[in-house]
Amino acid sequence: MDPSLTPADLAAAADPHTFGTYLAGIAPAPGHMGTDHHPGRSSSVRTAEYEGHRIRVVTTYDITVDDRPLPAGLDVDDDGVLSCHGLPAYQFYSAVDTVKALIRHFPGRFREGR
């Protein structure tokens, strides 16, 4: 931890409004979610070089819940671990488990007619 940060600094930064404003101001990475993004679709692009070869892996999830698109914003890292914009402190090994966690944490978003 940065020794110049005080507990008061940390508490102020953790304020929901302050933190939300900070997160809203972060620009997505170039090409994030692809140029063909539509509700319910998330794409991650991973690249690597190996023994002189360029590797590019695109993973796309088309997610619906109750036949409605779910704009979950899933990203996959190089180890295959999923992260989700709605649950940034969590990591998942299954897209289905990620959606289950979203339903569990945000039940109001999944009520009929929403």
PDB file of N, CA and C in Angstrom:
ATOM      1  N   MET A   1       0.843  -1.185   0.000  1.00  0.00           N
ATOM      2  CA  MET A   1       0.000   0.000   0.000  1.00  0.00           C
ATOM      3  C   MET A   1       0.881   1.239   0.000  1.00  0.00           C
ATOM      4  N   ASP A   2       0.437   2.252  -0.689  1.00  0.00           N
ATOM      5  CA  ASP A   2       1.150   3.523  -0.763  1.00  0.00           C
ATOM      6  C   ASP A   2       1.134   4.179   0.617  1.00  0.00           C
ATOM      7  N   PRO A   3       2.295   4.407   1.242  1.00  0.00           N
ATOM      8  CA  PRO A   3       2.313   4.970   2.593  1.00  0.00           C
ATOM      9  C   PRO A   3       1.790   6.395   2.661  1.00  0.00           C
ATOM     10  N   SER A   4       1.694   7.084   1.514  1.00  0.00           N
ATOM     11  CA  SER A   4       1.181   8.453   1.545  1.00  0.00           C
ATOM     12  C   SER A   4      -0.345   8.491   1.636  1.00  0.00           C
ATOM     13  N   LEU A   5      -1.020   7.336   1.425  1.00  0.00           N
ATOM     14  CA  LEU A   5      -2.475   7.279   1.542  1.00  0.00           C
ATOM     15  C   LEU A   5      -2.867   7.098   2.996  1.00  0.00           C
ATOM     16  N   THR A   6      -3.799   7.895   3.432  1.00  0.00           N
ATOM     17  CA  THR A   6      -4.293   7.781   4.802  1.00  0.00           C
ATOM     18  C   THR A   6      -5.591   6.983   4.799  1.00  0.00           C
ATOM     19  N   PRO A   7      -6.003   6.485   5.958  1.00  0.00           N
ATOM     20  CA  PRO A   7      -7.306   5.817   6.016  1.00  0.00           C
ATOM     21  C   PRO A   7      -8.442   6.715   5.534  1.00  0.00           C
ATOM     22  N   ALA A   8      -8.352   8.010   5.797  1.00  0.00           N
ATOM     23  CA  ALA A   8      -9.391   8.940   5.330  1.00  0.00           C
ATOM     24  C   ALA A   8      -9.403   9.013   3.799  1.00  0.00           C
ATOM     25  N   ASP A   9      -8.206   8.991   3.180  1.00  0.00           N
ATOM     26  CA  ASP A   9      -8.128   8.986   1.712  1.00  0.00           C
ATOM     27  C   ASP A   9      -8.805   7.749   1.143  1.00  0.00           C
ATOM     28  N   LEU A  10      -8.526   6.597   1.738  1.00  0.00           N
ATOM     29  CA  LEU A  10      -9.116   5.343   1.264  1.00  0.00           C
ATOM     30  C   LEU A  10     -10.629   5.349   1.439  1.00  0.00           C
ATOM     31  N   ALA A  11     -11.100   5.846   2.576  1.00  0.00           N
ATOM     32  CA  ALA A  11     -12.544   5.904   2.814  1.00  0.00           C
ATOM     33  C   ALA A  11     -13.219   6.825   1.808  1.00  0.00           C
ATOM     34  N   ALA A  12     -12.596   7.953   1.511  1.00  0.00           N
ATOM     35  CA  ALA A  12     -13.178   8.889   0.534  1.00  0.00           C
ATOM     36  C   ALA A  12     -13.227   8.261  -0.853  1.00  0.00           C
ATOM     37  N   ALA A  13     -12.170   7.537  -1.235  1.00  0.00           N
ATOM     38  CA  ALA A  13     -12.132   6.902  -2.553  1.00  0.00           C
ATOM     39  C   ALA A  13     -13.147   5.783  -2.665  1.00  0.00           C
ATOM     40  N   ALA A  14     -13.478   5.151  -1.543  1.00  0.00           N
ATOM     41  CA  ALA A  14     -14.419   4.030  -1.550  1.00  0.00           C
ATOM     42  C   ALA A  14     -15.876   4.475  -1.501  1.00  0.00           C
ATOM     43  N   ASP A  15     -16.113   5.761  -1.322  1.00  0.00           N
ATOM     44  CA  ASP A  15     -17.483   6.262  -1.331  1.00  0.00           C
ATOM     45  C   ASP A  15     -18.160   5.829  -2.628  1.00  0.00           C
ATOM     46  N   PRO A  16     -19.362   5.231  -2.562  1.00  0.00           N
ATOM     47  CA  PRO A  16     -20.005   4.704  -3.777  1.00  0.00           C
ATOM     48  C   PRO A  16     -20.127   5.719  -4.904  1.00  0.00           C
ATOM     49  N   HIS A  17     -20.495   6.947  -4.585  1.00  0.00           N
ATOM     50  CA  HIS A  17     -20.637   7.954  -5.651  1.00  0.00           C
ATOM     51  C   HIS A  17     -19.274   8.281  -6.269  1.00  0.00           C
ATOM     52  N   THR A  18     -18.276   8.486  -5.428  1.00  0.00           N
ATOM     53  CA  THR A  18     -16.933   8.799  -5.918  1.00  0.00           C
ATOM     54  C   THR A  18     -16.382   7.657  -6.761  1.00  0.00           C
ATOM     55  N   PHE A  19     -16.496   6.436  -6.240  1.00  0.00           N
ATOM     56  CA  PHE A  19     -15.969   5.278  -6.961  1.00  0.00           C
ATOM     57  C   PHE A  19     -16.733   5.050  -8.262  1.00  0.00           C
ATOM     58  N   GLY A  20     -18.063   5.194  -8.226  1.00  0.00           N
ATOM     59  CA  GLY A  20     -18.877   5.038  -9.429  1.00  0.00           C
ATOM     60  C   GLY A  20     -18.513   6.052 -10.501  1.00  0.00           C
ATOM     61  N   THR A  21     -18.284   7.296 -10.075  1.00  0.00           N
ATOM     62  CA  THR A  21     -17.881   8.340 -11.018  1.00  0.00           C
ATOM     63  C   THR A  21     -16.531   8.003 -11.640  1.00  0.00           C
ATOM     64  N   TYR A  22     -15.622   7.516 -10.815  1.00  0.00           N
ATOM     65  CA  TYR A  22     -14.305   7.108 -11.322  1.00  0.00           C
ATOM     66  C   TYR A  22     -14.451   5.990 -12.353  1.00  0.00           C
ATOM     67  N   LEU A  23     -15.220   4.949 -12.018  1.00  0.00           N
ATOM     68  CA  LEU A  23     -15.386   3.820 -12.937  1.00  0.00           C
ATOM     69  C   LEU A  23     -16.053   4.249 -14.241  1.00  0.00           C
ATOM     70  N   ALA A  24     -17.041   5.139 -14.143  1.00  0.00           N
ATOM     71  CA  ALA A  24     -17.740   5.606 -15.348  1.00  0.00           C
ATOM     72  C   ALA A  24     -16.803   6.373 -16.275  1.00  0.00           C
ATOM     73  N   GLY A  25     -15.749   6.972 -15.714  1.00  0.00           N
ATOM     74  CA  GLY A  25     -14.832   7.766 -16.517  1.00  0.00           C
ATOM     75  C   GLY A  25     -13.711   6.983 -17.159  1.00  0.00           C
ATOM     76  N   ILE A  26     -13.601   5.701 -16.843  1.00  0.00           N
ATOM     77  CA  ILE A  26     -12.528   4.894 -17.430  1.00  0.00           C
ATOM     78  C   ILE A  26     -12.915   4.511 -18.853  1.00  0.00           C
ATOM     79  N   ALA A  27     -12.059   4.846 -19.780  1.00  0.00           N
ATOM     80  CA  ALA A  27     -12.331   4.522 -21.183  1.00  0.00           C
ATOM     81  C   ALA A  27     -12.052   3.047 -21.426  1.00  0.00           C
ATOM     82  N   PRO A  28     -12.936   2.365 -22.179  1.00  0.00           N
ATOM     83  CA  PRO A  28     -12.661   0.966 -22.489  1.00  0.00           C
ATOM     84  C   PRO A  28     -11.423   0.832 -23.368  1.00  0.00           C
ATOM     85  N   ALA A  29     -10.787  -0.313 -23.287  1.00  0.00           N
ATOM     86  CA  ALA A  29      -9.618  -0.585 -24.109  1.00  0.00           C
ATOM     87  C   ALA A  29     -10.021  -0.557 -25.577  1.00  0.00           C
ATOM     88  N   PRO A  30      -9.101  -0.158 -26.474  1.00  0.00           N
ATOM     89  CA  PRO A  30      -9.427  -0.155 -27.901  1.00  0.00           C
ATOM     90  C   PRO A  30      -9.909  -1.537 -28.345  1.00  0.00           C
ATOM     91  N   GLY A  31     -11.011  -1.545 -29.084  1.00  0.00           N
ATOM     92  CA  GLY A  31     -11.560  -2.802 -29.579  1.00  0.00           C
ATOM     93  C   GLY A  31     -12.329  -3.577 -28.530  1.00  0.00           C
ATOM     94  N   HIS A  32     -12.489  -3.010 -27.341  1.00  0.00           N
ATOM     95  CA  HIS A  32     -13.183  -3.698 -26.262  1.00  0.00           C
ATOM     96  C   HIS A  32     -14.601  -4.058 -26.686  1.00  0.00           C
ATOM     97  N   MET A  33     -14.981  -5.293 -26.491  1.00  0.00           N
ATOM     98  CA  MET A  33     -16.290  -5.829 -26.821  1.00  0.00           C
ATOM     99  C   MET A  33     -16.530  -5.835 -28.330  1.00  0.00           C
ATOM    100  N   GLY A  34     -15.518  -5.569 -29.085  1.00  0.00           N
ATOM    101  CA  GLY A  34     -15.648  -5.678 -30.539  1.00  0.00           C
ATOM    102  C   GLY A  34     -16.470  -4.560 -31.136  1.00  0.00           C
ATOM    103  N   THR A  35     -16.412  -4.446 -32.443  1.00  0.00           N
ATOM    104  CA  THR A  35     -17.176  -3.404 -33.123  1.00  0.00           C
ATOM    105  C   THR A  35     -18.586  -3.882 -33.449  1.00  0.00           C
ATOM    106  N   ASP A  36     -18.843  -5.184 -33.294  1.00  0.00           N
ATOM    107  CA  ASP A  36     -20.170  -5.719 -33.601  1.00  0.00           C
ATOM    108  C   ASP A  36     -20.998  -5.914 -32.330  1.00  0.00           C
ATOM    109  N   HIS A  37     -20.643  -5.196 -31.276  1.00  0.00           N
ATOM    110  CA  HIS A  37     -21.318  -5.386 -29.989  1.00  0.00           C
ATOM    111  C   HIS A  37     -22.809  -5.083 -30.105  1.00  0.00           C
ATOM    112  N   HIS A  38     -23.594  -5.948 -29.544  1.00  0.00           N
ATOM    113  CA  HIS A  38     -25.028  -5.712 -29.412  1.00  0.00           C
ATOM    114  C   HIS A  38     -25.440  -6.278 -28.062  1.00  0.00           C
ATOM    115  N   PRO A  39     -26.631  -5.902 -27.558  1.00  0.00           N
ATOM    116  CA  PRO A  39     -27.032  -6.394 -26.245  1.00  0.00           C
ATOM    117  C   PRO A  39     -26.943  -7.915 -26.177  1.00  0.00           C
ATOM    118  N   GLY A  40     -26.276  -8.399 -25.160  1.00  0.00           N
ATOM    119  CA  GLY A  40     -26.148  -9.827 -24.970  1.00  0.00           C
ATOM    120  C   GLY A  40     -24.868 -10.417 -25.509  1.00  0.00           C
ATOM    121  N   ARG A  41     -24.107  -9.660 -26.296  1.00  0.00           N
ATOM    122  CA  ARG A  41     -22.865 -10.197 -26.867  1.00  0.00           C
ATOM    123  C   ARG A  41     -21.661  -9.532 -26.210  1.00  0.00           C
ATOM    124  N   SER A  42     -20.712 -10.354 -25.801  1.00  0.00           N
ATOM    125  CA  SER A  42     -19.434  -9.889 -25.265  1.00  0.00           C
ATOM    126  C   SER A  42     -18.332 -10.638 -25.994  1.00  0.00           C
ATOM    127  N   SER A  43     -17.309  -9.914 -26.382  1.00  0.00           N
ATOM    128  CA  SER A  43     -16.167 -10.549 -27.028  1.00  0.00           C
ATOM    129  C   SER A  43     -14.884 -10.137 -26.340  1.00  0.00           C
ATOM    130  N   SER A  44     -13.973 -11.081 -26.216  1.00  0.00           N
ATOM    131  CA  SER A  44     -12.638 -10.817 -25.698  1.00  0.00           C
ATOM    132  C   SER A  44     -11.634 -11.261 -26.747  1.00  0.00           C
ATOM    133  N   VAL A  45     -10.590 -10.473 -26.917  1.00  0.00           N
ATOM    134  CA  VAL A  45      -9.528 -10.821 -27.853  1.00  0.00           C
ATOM    135  C   VAL A  45      -8.242 -10.955 -27.045  1.00  0.00           C
ATOM    136  N   ARG A  46      -7.598 -12.108 -27.202  1.00  0.00           N
ATOM    137  CA  ARG A  46      -6.332 -12.349 -26.533  1.00  0.00           C
ATOM    138  C   ARG A  46      -5.292 -12.660 -27.586  1.00  0.00           C
ATOM    139  N   THR A  47      -4.099 -12.129 -27.390  1.00  0.00           N
ATOM    140  CA  THR A  47      -3.023 -12.369 -28.345  1.00  0.00           C
ATOM    141  C   THR A  47      -1.768 -12.802 -27.597  1.00  0.00           C
ATOM    142  N   ALA A  48      -0.933 -13.527 -28.292  1.00  0.00           N
ATOM    143  CA  ALA A  48       0.337 -13.969 -27.729  1.00  0.00           C
ATOM    144  C   ALA A  48       1.289 -14.267 -28.876  1.00  0.00           C
ATOM    145  N   GLU A  49       2.550 -14.345 -28.541  1.00  0.00           N
ATOM    146  CA  GLU A  49       3.567 -14.800 -29.482  1.00  0.00           C
ATOM    147  C   GLU A  49       4.182 -16.045 -28.881  1.00  0.00           C
ATOM    148  N   TYR A  50       4.368 -17.066 -29.716  1.00  0.00           N
ATOM    149  CA  TYR A  50       4.921 -18.320 -29.234  1.00  0.00           C
ATOM    150  C   TYR A  50       5.783 -18.942 -30.324  1.00  0.00           C
ATOM    151  N   GLU A  51       7.043 -19.123 -30.017  1.00  0.00           N
ATOM    152  CA  GLU A  51       7.995 -19.735 -30.944  1.00  0.00           C
ATOM    153  C   GLU A  51       7.902 -19.130 -32.347  1.00  0.00           C
ATOM    154  N   GLY A  52       7.835 -17.797 -32.384  1.00  0.00           N
ATOM    155  CA  GLY A  52       7.807 -17.080 -33.651  1.00  0.00           C
ATOM    156  C   GLY A  52       6.445 -16.998 -34.319  1.00  0.00           C
ATOM    157  N   HIS A  53       5.399 -17.503 -33.676  1.00  0.00           N
ATOM    158  CA  HIS A  53       4.043 -17.468 -34.235  1.00  0.00           C
ATOM    159  C   HIS A  53       3.188 -16.469 -33.465  1.00  0.00           C
ATOM    160  N   ARG A  54       2.332 -15.752 -34.197  1.00  0.00           N
ATOM    161  CA  ARG A  54       1.372 -14.834 -33.582  1.00  0.00           C
ATOM    162  C   ARG A  54       0.057 -15.585 -33.375  1.00  0.00           C
ATOM    163  N   ILE A  55      -0.412 -15.575 -32.149  1.00  0.00           N
ATOM    164  CA  ILE A  55      -1.660 -16.260 -31.801  1.00  0.00           C
ATOM    165  C   ILE A  55      -2.706 -15.202 -31.481  1.00  0.00           C
ATOM    166  N   ARG A  56      -3.912 -15.391 -31.997  1.00  0.00           N
ATOM    167  CA  ARG A  56      -5.040 -14.493 -31.701  1.00  0.00           C
ATOM    168  C   ARG A  56      -6.254 -15.370 -31.422  1.00  0.00           C
ATOM    169  N   VAL A  57      -6.846 -15.202 -30.251  1.00  0.00           N
ATOM    170  CA  VAL A  57      -8.026 -15.971 -29.874  1.00  0.00           C
ATOM    171  C   VAL A  57      -9.152 -14.986 -29.561  1.00  0.00           C
ATOM    172  N   VAL A  58     -10.277 -15.141 -30.244  1.00  0.00           N
ATOM    173  CA  VAL A  58     -11.463 -14.314 -29.994  1.00  0.00           C
ATOM    174  C   VAL A  58     -12.515 -15.218 -29.374  1.00  0.00           C
ATOM    175  N   THR A  59     -12.970 -14.829 -28.205  1.00  0.00           N
ATOM    176  CA  THR A  59     -14.032 -15.567 -27.527  1.00  0.00           C
ATOM    177  C   THR A  59     -15.258 -14.668 -27.479  1.00  0.00           C
ATOM    178  N   THR A  60     -16.382 -15.158 -27.977  1.00  0.00           N
ATOM    179  CA  THR A  60     -17.613 -14.371 -27.996  1.00  0.00           C
ATOM    180  C   THR A  60     -18.713 -15.121 -27.262  1.00  0.00           C
ATOM    181  N   TYR A  61     -19.382 -14.408 -26.386  1.00  0.00           N
ATOM    182  CA  TYR A  61     -20.525 -14.958 -25.670  1.00  0.00           C
ATOM    183  C   TYR A  61     -21.769 -14.207 -26.118  1.00  0.00           C
ATOM    184  N   ASP A  62     -22.796 -14.938 -26.499  1.00  0.00           N
ATOM    185  CA  ASP A  62     -24.111 -14.395 -26.823  1.00  0.00           C
ATOM    186  C   ASP A  62     -25.028 -14.885 -25.714  1.00  0.00           C
ATOM    187  N   ILE A  63     -25.396 -14.010 -24.790  1.00  0.00           N
ATOM    188  CA  ILE A  63     -26.089 -14.434 -23.576  1.00  0.00           C
ATOM    189  C   ILE A  63     -27.519 -13.902 -23.557  1.00  0.00           C
ATOM    190  N   THR A  64     -28.458 -14.786 -23.251  1.00  0.00           N
ATOM    191  CA  THR A  64     -29.840 -14.387 -23.005  1.00  0.00           C
ATOM    192  C   THR A  64     -30.294 -15.028 -21.696  1.00  0.00           C
ATOM    193  N   VAL A  65     -31.210 -14.357 -21.023  1.00  0.00           N
ATOM    194  CA  VAL A  65     -31.885 -14.895 -19.845  1.00  0.00           C
ATOM    195  C   VAL A  65     -33.371 -14.673 -20.088  1.00  0.00           C
ATOM    196  N   ASP A  66     -34.143 -15.730 -20.006  1.00  0.00           N
ATOM    197  CA  ASP A  66     -35.578 -15.658 -20.298  1.00  0.00           C
ATOM    198  C   ASP A  66     -35.819 -15.059 -21.684  1.00  0.00           C
ATOM    199  N   ASP A  67     -34.989 -15.453 -22.636  1.00  0.00           N
ATOM    200  CA  ASP A  67     -35.075 -15.025 -24.033  1.00  0.00           C
ATOM    201  C   ASP A  67     -34.802 -13.535 -24.237  1.00  0.00           C
ATOM    202  N   ARG A  68     -34.228 -12.875 -23.245  1.00  0.00           N
ATOM    203  CA  ARG A  68     -33.863 -11.457 -23.379  1.00  0.00           C
ATOM    204  C   ARG A  68     -32.343 -11.344 -23.350  1.00  0.00           C
ATOM    205  N   PRO A  69     -31.759 -10.512 -24.216  1.00  0.00           N
ATOM    206  CA  PRO A  69     -30.298 -10.346 -24.222  1.00  0.00           C
ATOM    207  C   PRO A  69     -29.801  -9.832 -22.878  1.00  0.00           C
ATOM    208  N   LEU A  70     -28.658 -10.340 -22.445  1.00  0.00           N
ATOM    209  CA  LEU A  70     -28.035  -9.893 -21.200  1.00  0.00           C
ATOM    210  C   LEU A  70     -26.699  -9.247 -21.541  1.00  0.00           C
ATOM    211  N   PRO A  71     -26.614  -7.910 -21.442  1.00  0.00           N
ATOM    212  CA  PRO A  71     -25.349  -7.230 -21.729  1.00  0.00           C
ATOM    213  C   PRO A  71     -24.404  -7.352 -20.536  1.00  0.00           C
ATOM    214  N   ALA A  72     -23.854  -8.542 -20.324  1.00  0.00           N
ATOM    215  CA  ALA A  72     -23.076  -8.836 -19.123  1.00  0.00           C
ATOM    216  C   ALA A  72     -21.655  -8.292 -19.181  1.00  0.00           C
ATOM    217  N   GLY A  73     -21.106  -8.092 -20.349  1.00  0.00           N
ATOM    218  CA  GLY A  73     -19.741  -7.593 -20.439  1.00  0.00           C
ATOM    219  C   GLY A  73     -18.725  -8.575 -19.880  1.00  0.00           C
ATOM    220  N   LEU A  74     -18.652  -9.770 -20.463  1.00  0.00           N
ATOM    221  CA  LEU A  74     -17.703 -10.781 -20.006  1.00  0.00           C
ATOM    222  C   LEU A  74     -16.375 -10.623 -20.732  1.00  0.00           C
ATOM    223  N   ASP A  75     -15.299 -10.802 -19.988  1.00  0.00           N
ATOM    224  CA  ASP A  75     -13.956 -10.810 -20.560  1.00  0.00           C
ATOM    225  C   ASP A  75     -13.262 -12.082 -20.098  1.00  0.00           C
ATOM    226  N   VAL A  76     -12.411 -12.616 -20.944  1.00  0.00           N
ATOM    227  CA  VAL A  76     -11.659 -13.821 -20.629  1.00  0.00           C
ATOM    228  C   VAL A  76     -10.179 -13.473 -20.650  1.00  0.00           C
ATOM    229  N   ASP A  77      -9.454 -13.880 -19.595  1.00  0.00           N
ATOM    230  CA  ASP A  77      -8.019 -13.617 -19.586  1.00  0.00           C
ATOM    231  C   ASP A  77      -7.256 -14.785 -20.218  1.00  0.00           C
ATOM    232  N   ASP A  78      -5.952 -14.690 -20.252  1.00  0.00           N
ATOM    233  CA  ASP A  78      -5.133 -15.707 -20.913  1.00  0.00           C
ATOM    234  C   ASP A  78      -5.205 -17.073 -20.237  1.00  0.00           C
ATOM    235  N   ASP A  79      -5.641 -17.115 -18.986  1.00  0.00           N
ATOM    236  CA  ASP A  79      -5.788 -18.387 -18.278  1.00  0.00           C
ATOM    237  C   ASP A  79      -7.201 -18.961 -18.402  1.00  0.00           C
ATOM    238  N   GLY A  80      -8.072 -18.279 -19.158  1.00  0.00           N
ATOM    239  CA  GLY A  80      -9.439 -18.756 -19.330  1.00  0.00           C
ATOM    240  C   GLY A  80     -10.371 -18.342 -18.216  1.00  0.00           C
ATOM    241  N   VAL A  81      -9.926 -17.446 -17.352  1.00  0.00           N
ATOM    242  CA  VAL A  81     -10.752 -16.984 -16.236  1.00  0.00           C
ATOM    243  C   VAL A  81     -11.618 -15.833 -16.720  1.00  0.00           C
ATOM    244  N   LEU A  82     -12.906 -15.905 -16.387  1.00  0.00           N
ATOM    245  CA  LEU A  82     -13.868 -14.882 -16.797  1.00  0.00           C
ATOM    246  C   LEU A  82     -13.978 -13.802 -15.738  1.00  0.00           C
ATOM    247  N   SER A  83     -14.152 -12.579 -16.190  1.00  0.00           N
ATOM    248  CA  SER A  83     -14.528 -11.488 -15.310  1.00  0.00           C
ATOM    249  C   SER A  83     -15.749 -10.826 -15.924  1.00  0.00           C
ATOM    250  N   CYS A  84     -16.493 -10.138 -15.085  1.00  0.00           N
ATOM    251  CA  CYS A  84     -17.761  -9.551 -15.521  1.00  0.00           C
ATOM    252  C   CYS A  84     -17.826  -8.116 -15.030  1.00  0.00           C
ATOM    253  N   HIS A  85     -18.235  -7.213 -15.885  1.00  0.00           N
ATOM    254  CA  HIS A  85     -18.299  -5.803 -15.526  1.00  0.00           C
ATOM    255  C   HIS A  85     -19.225  -5.561 -14.335  1.00  0.00           C
ATOM    256  N   GLY A  86     -20.306  -6.317 -14.245  1.00  0.00           N
ATOM    257  CA  GLY A  86     -21.263  -6.130 -13.156  1.00  0.00           C
ATOM    258  C   GLY A  86     -20.784  -6.645 -11.816  1.00  0.00           C
ATOM    259  N   LEU A  87     -19.792  -7.532 -11.828  1.00  0.00           N
ATOM    260  CA  LEU A  87     -19.234  -8.104 -10.599  1.00  0.00           C
ATOM    261  C   LEU A  87     -17.706  -8.055 -10.702  1.00  0.00           C
ATOM    262  N   PRO A  88     -17.129  -6.848 -10.673  1.00  0.00           N
ATOM    263  CA  PRO A  88     -15.707  -6.715 -10.969  1.00  0.00           C
ATOM    264  C   PRO A  88     -14.766  -7.386  -9.963  1.00  0.00           C
ATOM    265  N   ALA A  89     -15.224  -7.670  -8.762  1.00  0.00           N
ATOM    266  CA  ALA A  89     -14.353  -8.284  -7.759  1.00  0.00           C
ATOM    267  C   ALA A  89     -14.371  -9.808  -7.828  1.00  0.00           C
ATOM    268  N   TYR A  90     -15.134 -10.376  -8.748  1.00  0.00           N
ATOM    269  CA  TYR A  90     -15.273 -11.824  -8.856  1.00  0.00           C
ATOM    270  C   TYR A  90     -14.538 -12.350 -10.084  1.00  0.00           C
ATOM    271  N   GLN A  91     -14.140 -13.617 -10.010  1.00  0.00           N
ATOM    272  CA  GLN A  91     -13.600 -14.324 -11.167  1.00  0.00           C
ATOM    273  C   GLN A  91     -14.346 -15.634 -11.288  1.00  0.00           C
ATOM    274  N   PHE A  92     -14.573 -16.065 -12.532  1.00  0.00           N
ATOM    275  CA  PHE A  92     -15.361 -17.264 -12.788  1.00  0.00           C
ATOM    276  C   PHE A  92     -14.634 -18.163 -13.784  1.00  0.00           C
ATOM    277  N   TYR A  93     -14.945 -19.450 -13.729  1.00  0.00           N
ATOM    278  CA  TYR A  93     -14.406 -20.404 -14.694  1.00  0.00           C
ATOM    279  C   TYR A  93     -15.483 -20.876 -15.657  1.00  0.00           C
ATOM    280  N   SER A  94     -16.712 -20.365 -15.493  1.00  0.00           N
ATOM    281  CA  SER A  94     -17.832 -20.775 -16.331  1.00  0.00           C
ATOM    282  C   SER A  94     -18.708 -19.557 -16.615  1.00  0.00           C
ATOM    283  N   ALA A  95     -19.083 -19.384 -17.895  1.00  0.00           N
ATOM    284  CA  ALA A  95     -19.997 -18.292 -18.250  1.00  0.00           C
ATOM    285  C   ALA A  95     -21.367 -18.512 -17.604  1.00  0.00           C
ATOM    286  N   VAL A  96     -21.803 -19.758 -17.523  1.00  0.00           N
ATOM    287  CA  VAL A  96     -23.100 -20.050 -16.896  1.00  0.00           C
ATOM    288  C   VAL A  96     -23.053 -19.666 -15.415  1.00  0.00           C
ATOM    289  N   ASP A  97     -21.954 -19.992 -14.728  1.00  0.00           N
ATOM    290  CA  ASP A  97     -21.830 -19.603 -13.320  1.00  0.00           C
ATOM    291  C   ASP A  97     -21.801 -18.083 -13.165  1.00  0.00           C
ATOM    292  N   THR A  98     -21.220 -17.391 -14.128  1.00  0.00           N
ATOM    293  CA  THR A  98     -21.203 -15.937 -14.094  1.00  0.00           C
ATOM    294  C   THR A  98     -22.614 -15.384 -14.164  1.00  0.00           C
ATOM    295  N   VAL A  99     -23.426 -15.904 -15.084  1.00  0.00           N
ATOM    296  CA  VAL A  99     -24.802 -15.432 -15.235  1.00  0.00           C
ATOM    297  C   VAL A  99     -25.616 -15.785 -13.985  1.00  0.00           C
ATOM    298  N   LYS A 100     -25.400 -16.971 -13.420  1.00  0.00           N
ATOM    299  CA  LYS A 100     -26.088 -17.337 -12.178  1.00  0.00           C
ATOM    300  C   LYS A 100     -25.757 -16.342 -11.068  1.00  0.00           C
ATOM    301  N   ALA A 101     -24.492 -15.942 -10.980  1.00  0.00           N
ATOM    302  CA  ALA A 101     -24.092 -14.965  -9.958  1.00  0.00           C
ATOM    303  C   ALA A 101     -24.755 -13.613 -10.204  1.00  0.00           C
ATOM    304  N   LEU A 102     -24.870 -13.199 -11.464  1.00  0.00           N
ATOM    305  CA  LEU A 102     -25.563 -11.943 -11.767  1.00  0.00           C
ATOM    306  C   LEU A 102     -27.023 -12.007 -11.333  1.00  0.00           C
ATOM    307  N   ILE A 103     -27.680 -13.125 -11.607  1.00  0.00           N
ATOM    308  CA  ILE A 103     -29.079 -13.287 -11.200  1.00  0.00           C
ATOM    309  C   ILE A 103     -29.194 -13.249  -9.679  1.00  0.00           C
ATOM    310  N   ARG A 104     -28.269 -13.919  -8.995  1.00  0.00           N
ATOM    311  CA  ARG A 104     -28.292 -13.959  -7.533  1.00  0.00           C
ATOM    312  C   ARG A 104     -28.052 -12.573  -6.930  1.00  0.00           C
ATOM    313  N   HIS A 105     -27.111 -11.796  -7.493  1.00  0.00           N
ATOM    314  CA  HIS A 105     -26.749 -10.498  -6.933  1.00  0.00           C
ATOM    315  C   HIS A 105     -27.660  -9.357  -7.381  1.00  0.00           C
ATOM    316  N   PHE A 106     -28.316  -9.520  -8.518  1.00  0.00           N
ATOM    317  CA  PHE A 106     -29.180  -8.460  -9.063  1.00  0.00           C
ATOM    318  C   PHE A 106     -30.552  -9.019  -9.434  1.00  0.00           C
ATOM    319  N   PRO A 107     -31.282  -9.614  -8.480  1.00  0.00           N
ATOM    320  CA  PRO A 107     -32.551 -10.270  -8.824  1.00  0.00           C
ATOM    321  C   PRO A 107     -33.587  -9.315  -9.434  1.00  0.00           C
ATOM    322  N   GLY A 108     -33.569  -8.062  -9.049  1.00  0.00           N
ATOM    323  CA  GLY A 108     -34.521  -7.094  -9.598  1.00  0.00           C
ATOM    324  C   GLY A 108     -34.372  -6.889 -11.088  1.00  0.00           C
ATOM    325  N   ARG A 109     -33.185  -7.096 -11.615  1.00  0.00           N
ATOM    326  CA  ARG A 109     -32.933  -6.930 -13.051  1.00  0.00           C
ATOM    327  C   ARG A 109     -33.521  -8.074 -13.879  1.00  0.00           C
ATOM    328  N   PHE A 110     -33.900  -9.152 -13.188  1.00  0.00           N
ATOM    329  CA  PHE A 110     -34.356 -10.342 -13.915  1.00  0.00           C
ATOM    330  C   PHE A 110     -35.818 -10.649 -13.677  1.00  0.00           C
ATOM    331  N   ARG A 111     -36.557  -9.696 -13.124  1.00  0.00           N
ATOM    332  CA  ARG A 111     -38.000  -9.890 -12.943  1.00  0.00           C
ATOM    333  C   ARG A 111     -38.686  -9.790 -14.287  1.00  0.00           C
ATOM    334  N   GLU A 112     -39.859 -10.409 -14.388  1.00  0.00           N
ATOM    335  CA  GLU A 112     -40.642 -10.368 -15.644  1.00  0.00           C
ATOM    336  C   GLU A 112     -40.826  -8.936 -16.123  1.00  0.00           C
ATOM    337  N   GLY A 113     -40.715  -8.751 -17.417  1.00  0.00           N
ATOM    338  CA  GLY A 113     -40.977  -7.459 -18.029  1.00  0.00           C
ATOM    339  C   GLY A 113     -39.827  -6.478 -17.982  1.00  0.00           C
ATOM    340  N   ARG A 114     -38.706  -6.870 -17.388  1.00  0.00           N
ATOM    341  CA  ARG A 114     -37.567  -5.953 -17.309  1.00  0.00           C
ATOM    342  C   ARG A 114     -36.661  -6.139 -18.485  1.00  0.00           C
TER     343      ARG A 114
END
